[in-house]
Amino acid sequence: MTSLSTSETAPFFGWDVVAATIVLAIFGWGVGFYGPPIYLQMVVQRTGWSLALVST
């Protein structure tokens, strides 16, 4: 049985996955937290419906 040296093994992509997940979470939370008031206001302006009707 032969063992592989460290130069022949596949690189570890774990930290890349963690970084991508953090970036995705930051954008997702930003849109999810700050987005609805902006979207609701735009729909109210475009349709002329009441804010209560649009938010339901």
PDB file of N, CA and C in Angstrom:
ATOM      1  N   MET A   1       0.845  -1.163   0.000  1.00  0.00           N
ATOM      2  CA  MET A   1       0.000   0.000   0.000  1.00  0.00           C
ATOM      3  C   MET A   1       0.898   1.237   0.000  1.00  0.00           C
ATOM      4  N   THR A   2       0.604   2.170  -0.868  1.00  0.00           N
ATOM      5  CA  THR A   2       1.388   3.398  -0.936  1.00  0.00           C
ATOM      6  C   THR A   2       0.563   4.551  -0.393  1.00  0.00           C
ATOM      7  N   SER A   3       1.230   5.468   0.241  1.00  0.00           N
ATOM      8  CA  SER A   3       0.526   6.643   0.753  1.00  0.00           C
ATOM      9  C   SER A   3       0.801   7.820  -0.176  1.00  0.00           C
ATOM     10  N   LEU A   4      -0.187   8.673  -0.304  1.00  0.00           N
ATOM     11  CA  LEU A   4      -0.064   9.851  -1.150  1.00  0.00           C
ATOM     12  C   LEU A   4       0.643  10.962  -0.392  1.00  0.00           C
ATOM     13  N   SER A   5       1.498  11.657  -1.041  1.00  0.00           N
ATOM     14  CA  SER A   5       2.131  12.807  -0.394  1.00  0.00           C
ATOM     15  C   SER A   5       1.157  13.983  -0.409  1.00  0.00           C
ATOM     16  N   THR A   6       1.457  14.999   0.354  1.00  0.00           N
ATOM     17  CA  THR A   6       0.540  16.138   0.462  1.00  0.00           C
ATOM     18  C   THR A   6       0.395  16.884  -0.851  1.00  0.00           C
ATOM     19  N   SER A   7       1.376  16.822  -1.728  1.00  0.00           N
ATOM     20  CA  SER A   7       1.274  17.535  -2.993  1.00  0.00           C
ATOM     21  C   SER A   7       0.353  16.822  -3.981  1.00  0.00           C
ATOM     22  N   GLU A   8       0.041  15.558  -3.737  1.00  0.00           N
ATOM     23  CA  GLU A   8      -0.809  14.799  -4.650  1.00  0.00           C
ATOM     24  C   GLU A   8      -2.262  14.759  -4.207  1.00  0.00           C
ATOM     25  N   THR A   9      -2.575  15.227  -3.023  1.00  0.00           N
ATOM     26  CA  THR A   9      -3.953  15.194  -2.540  1.00  0.00           C
ATOM     27  C   THR A   9      -4.707  16.425  -3.034  1.00  0.00           C
ATOM     28  N   ALA A  10      -6.006  16.318  -3.014  1.00  0.00           N
ATOM     29  CA  ALA A  10      -6.852  17.431  -3.456  1.00  0.00           C
ATOM     30  C   ALA A  10      -6.784  18.563  -2.432  1.00  0.00           C
ATOM     31  N   PRO A  11      -6.864  19.800  -2.877  1.00  0.00           N
ATOM     32  CA  PRO A  11      -6.820  20.926  -1.935  1.00  0.00           C
ATOM     33  C   PRO A  11      -8.099  20.990  -1.104  1.00  0.00           C
ATOM     34  N   PHE A  12      -7.984  21.569   0.060  1.00  0.00           N
ATOM     35  CA  PHE A  12      -9.127  21.717   0.961  1.00  0.00           C
ATOM     36  C   PHE A  12      -9.864  23.010   0.619  1.00  0.00           C
ATOM     37  N   PHE A  13     -11.120  22.889   0.247  1.00  0.00           N
ATOM     38  CA  PHE A  13     -11.923  24.048  -0.154  1.00  0.00           C
ATOM     39  C   PHE A  13     -12.862  24.520   0.948  1.00  0.00           C
ATOM     40  N   GLY A  14     -12.671  24.038   2.161  1.00  0.00           N
ATOM     41  CA  GLY A  14     -13.578  24.371   3.257  1.00  0.00           C
ATOM     42  C   GLY A  14     -13.671  25.847   3.553  1.00  0.00           C
ATOM     43  N   TRP A  15     -12.525  26.555   3.574  1.00  0.00           N
ATOM     44  CA  TRP A  15     -12.565  27.979   3.895  1.00  0.00           C
ATOM     45  C   TRP A  15     -13.192  28.789   2.770  1.00  0.00           C
ATOM     46  N   ASP A  16     -13.054  28.330   1.549  1.00  0.00           N
ATOM     47  CA  ASP A  16     -13.730  29.001   0.432  1.00  0.00           C
ATOM     48  C   ASP A  16     -15.244  28.871   0.573  1.00  0.00           C
ATOM     49  N   VAL A  17     -15.687  27.705   0.988  1.00  0.00           N
ATOM     50  CA  VAL A  17     -17.125  27.475   1.186  1.00  0.00           C
ATOM     51  C   VAL A  17     -17.641  28.344   2.328  1.00  0.00           C
ATOM     52  N   VAL A  18     -16.887  28.432   3.412  1.00  0.00           N
ATOM     53  CA  VAL A  18     -17.290  29.266   4.549  1.00  0.00           C
ATOM     54  C   VAL A  18     -17.368  30.734   4.127  1.00  0.00           C
ATOM     55  N   ALA A  19     -16.384  31.212   3.390  1.00  0.00           N
ATOM     56  CA  ALA A  19     -16.391  32.608   2.934  1.00  0.00           C
ATOM     57  C   ALA A  19     -17.576  32.883   2.012  1.00  0.00           C
ATOM     58  N   ALA A  20     -17.846  31.977   1.092  1.00  0.00           N
ATOM     59  CA  ALA A  20     -18.979  32.155   0.177  1.00  0.00           C
ATOM     60  C   ALA A  20     -20.295  32.145   0.941  1.00  0.00           C
ATOM     61  N   THR A  21     -20.397  31.299   1.952  1.00  0.00           N
ATOM     62  CA  THR A  21     -21.615  31.242   2.754  1.00  0.00           C
ATOM     63  C   THR A  21     -21.832  32.531   3.530  1.00  0.00           C
ATOM     64  N   ILE A  22     -20.764  33.103   4.074  1.00  0.00           N
ATOM     65  CA  ILE A  22     -20.877  34.354   4.815  1.00  0.00           C
ATOM     66  C   ILE A  22     -21.302  35.491   3.896  1.00  0.00           C
ATOM     67  N   VAL A  23     -20.711  35.572   2.712  1.00  0.00           N
ATOM     68  CA  VAL A  23     -21.086  36.622   1.755  1.00  0.00           C
ATOM     69  C   VAL A  23     -22.550  36.464   1.345  1.00  0.00           C
ATOM     70  N   LEU A  24     -22.968  35.245   1.064  1.00  0.00           N
ATOM     71  CA  LEU A  24     -24.359  34.989   0.698  1.00  0.00           C
ATOM     72  C   LEU A  24     -25.305  35.362   1.836  1.00  0.00           C
ATOM     73  N   ALA A  25     -24.926  35.049   3.067  1.00  0.00           N
ATOM     74  CA  ALA A  25     -25.768  35.375   4.216  1.00  0.00           C
ATOM     75  C   ALA A  25     -25.895  36.883   4.403  1.00  0.00           C
ATOM     76  N   ILE A  26     -24.793  37.606   4.241  1.00  0.00           N
ATOM     77  CA  ILE A  26     -24.839  39.060   4.413  1.00  0.00           C
ATOM     78  C   ILE A  26     -25.794  39.695   3.401  1.00  0.00           C
ATOM     79  N   PHE A  27     -25.683  39.281   2.138  1.00  0.00           N
ATOM     80  CA  PHE A  27     -26.592  39.829   1.125  1.00  0.00           C
ATOM     81  C   PHE A  27     -28.030  39.368   1.358  1.00  0.00           C
ATOM     82  N   GLY A  28     -28.205  38.122   1.731  1.00  0.00           N
ATOM     83  CA  GLY A  28     -29.548  37.603   1.981  1.00  0.00           C
ATOM     84  C   GLY A  28     -30.228  38.292   3.139  1.00  0.00           C
ATOM     85  N   TRP A  29     -29.494  38.478   4.240  1.00  0.00           N
ATOM     86  CA  TRP A  29     -30.077  39.169   5.386  1.00  0.00           C
ATOM     87  C   TRP A  29     -30.345  40.624   5.070  1.00  0.00           C
ATOM     88  N   GLY A  30     -29.487  41.256   4.298  1.00  0.00           N
ATOM     89  CA  GLY A  30     -29.696  42.652   3.926  1.00  0.00           C
ATOM     90  C   GLY A  30     -30.957  42.836   3.112  1.00  0.00           C
ATOM     91  N   VAL A  31     -31.142  41.994   2.116  1.00  0.00           N
ATOM     92  CA  VAL A  31     -32.348  42.085   1.284  1.00  0.00           C
ATOM     93  C   VAL A  31     -33.578  41.683   2.091  1.00  0.00           C
ATOM     94  N   GLY A  32     -33.452  40.661   2.909  1.00  0.00           N
ATOM     95  CA  GLY A  32     -34.591  40.192   3.701  1.00  0.00           C
ATOM     96  C   GLY A  32     -35.012  41.163   4.787  1.00  0.00           C
ATOM     97  N   PHE A  33     -34.043  41.884   5.355  1.00  0.00           N
ATOM     98  CA  PHE A  33     -34.356  42.796   6.454  1.00  0.00           C
ATOM     99  C   PHE A  33     -34.739  44.188   5.964  1.00  0.00           C
ATOM    100  N   TYR A  34     -33.989  44.698   5.003  1.00  0.00           N
ATOM    101  CA  TYR A  34     -34.230  46.067   4.533  1.00  0.00           C
ATOM    102  C   TYR A  34     -35.105  46.132   3.288  1.00  0.00           C
ATOM    103  N   GLY A  35     -35.289  45.035   2.611  1.00  0.00           N
ATOM    104  CA  GLY A  35     -36.015  45.032   1.355  1.00  0.00           C
ATOM    105  C   GLY A  35     -37.515  45.248   1.444  1.00  0.00           C
ATOM    106  N   PRO A  36     -38.231  44.556   2.339  1.00  0.00           N
ATOM    107  CA  PRO A  36     -39.694  44.671   2.334  1.00  0.00           C
ATOM    108  C   PRO A  36     -40.249  46.082   2.455  1.00  0.00           C
ATOM    109  N   PRO A  37     -39.727  46.949   3.315  1.00  0.00           N
ATOM    110  CA  PRO A  37     -40.293  48.307   3.339  1.00  0.00           C
ATOM    111  C   PRO A  37     -40.150  49.032   2.001  1.00  0.00           C
ATOM    112  N   ILE A  38     -39.027  48.809   1.332  1.00  0.00           N
ATOM    113  CA  ILE A  38     -38.813  49.451   0.030  1.00  0.00           C
ATOM    114  C   ILE A  38     -39.756  48.863  -1.005  1.00  0.00           C
ATOM    115  N   TYR A  39     -39.869  47.521  -1.011  1.00  0.00           N
ATOM    116  CA  TYR A  39     -40.758  46.884  -1.980  1.00  0.00           C
ATOM    117  C   TYR A  39     -42.207  47.273  -1.742  1.00  0.00           C
ATOM    118  N   LEU A  40     -42.625  47.314  -0.482  1.00  0.00           N
ATOM    119  CA  LEU A  40     -44.005  47.679  -0.179  1.00  0.00           C
ATOM    120  C   LEU A  40     -44.307  49.100  -0.638  1.00  0.00           C
ATOM    121  N   GLN A  41     -43.399  50.011  -0.382  1.00  0.00           N
ATOM    122  CA  GLN A  41     -43.613  51.407  -0.776  1.00  0.00           C
ATOM    123  C   GLN A  41     -43.721  51.527  -2.297  1.00  0.00           C
ATOM    124  N   MET A  42     -42.895  50.812  -3.013  1.00  0.00           N
ATOM    125  CA  MET A  42     -42.949  50.872  -4.481  1.00  0.00           C
ATOM    126  C   MET A  42     -44.256  50.298  -5.015  1.00  0.00           C
ATOM    127  N   VAL A  43     -44.736  49.226  -4.411  1.00  0.00           N
ATOM    128  CA  VAL A  43     -46.006  48.638  -4.856  1.00  0.00           C
ATOM    129  C   VAL A  43     -47.160  49.591  -4.548  1.00  0.00           C
ATOM    130  N   VAL A  44     -47.122  50.236  -3.384  1.00  0.00           N
ATOM    131  CA  VAL A  44     -48.168  51.206  -3.029  1.00  0.00           C
ATOM    132  C   VAL A  44     -48.171  52.353  -4.027  1.00  0.00           C
ATOM    133  N   GLN A  45     -46.993  52.869  -4.369  1.00  0.00           N
ATOM    134  CA  GLN A  45     -46.921  53.972  -5.328  1.00  0.00           C
ATOM    135  C   GLN A  45     -47.383  53.559  -6.712  1.00  0.00           C
ATOM    136  N   ARG A  46     -47.033  52.343  -7.128  1.00  0.00           N
ATOM    137  CA  ARG A  46     -47.379  51.896  -8.472  1.00  0.00           C
ATOM    138  C   ARG A  46     -48.867  51.576  -8.617  1.00  0.00           C
ATOM    139  N   THR A  47     -49.447  50.935  -7.595  1.00  0.00           N
ATOM    140  CA  THR A  47     -50.833  50.475  -7.720  1.00  0.00           C
ATOM    141  C   THR A  47     -51.848  51.430  -7.126  1.00  0.00           C
ATOM    142  N   GLY A  48     -51.413  52.256  -6.137  1.00  0.00           N
ATOM    143  CA  GLY A  48     -52.357  53.143  -5.470  1.00  0.00           C
ATOM    144  C   GLY A  48     -53.156  52.447  -4.386  1.00  0.00           C
ATOM    145  N   TRP A  49     -52.827  51.194  -4.058  1.00  0.00           N
ATOM    146  CA  TRP A  49     -53.525  50.472  -3.003  1.00  0.00           C
ATOM    147  C   TRP A  49     -53.038  50.955  -1.658  1.00  0.00           C
ATOM    148  N   SER A  50     -53.792  50.654  -0.612  1.00  0.00           N
ATOM    149  CA  SER A  50     -53.376  51.043   0.736  1.00  0.00           C
ATOM    150  C   SER A  50     -52.221  50.161   1.194  1.00  0.00           C
ATOM    151  N   LEU A  51     -51.452  50.672   2.147  1.00  0.00           N
ATOM    152  CA  LEU A  51     -50.316  49.932   2.678  1.00  0.00           C
ATOM    153  C   LEU A  51     -50.772  48.656   3.369  1.00  0.00           C
ATOM    154  N   ALA A  52     -51.886  48.702   4.062  1.00  0.00           N
ATOM    155  CA  ALA A  52     -52.428  47.513   4.734  1.00  0.00           C
ATOM    156  C   ALA A  52     -52.786  46.427   3.733  1.00  0.00           C
ATOM    157  N   LEU A  53     -53.373  46.822   2.622  1.00  0.00           N
ATOM    158  CA  LEU A  53     -53.745  45.847   1.590  1.00  0.00           C
ATOM    159  C   LEU A  53     -52.503  45.222   0.964  1.00  0.00           C
ATOM    160  N   VAL A  54     -51.513  46.030   0.670  1.00  0.00           N
ATOM    161  CA  VAL A  54     -50.296  45.515   0.037  1.00  0.00           C
ATOM    162  C   VAL A  54     -49.532  44.609   0.996  1.00  0.00           C
ATOM    163  N   SER A  55     -49.455  44.965   2.268  1.00  0.00           N
ATOM    164  CA  SER A  55     -48.676  44.187   3.216  1.00  0.00           C
ATOM    165  C   SER A  55     -49.328  42.853   3.554  1.00  0.00           C
ATOM    166  N   THR A  56     -50.639  42.743   3.362  1.00  0.00           N
ATOM    167  CA  THR A  56     -51.278  41.443   3.609  1.00  0.00           C
ATOM    168  C   THR A  56     -51.054  40.541   2.430  1.00  0.00           C
TER     169      THR A  56
END
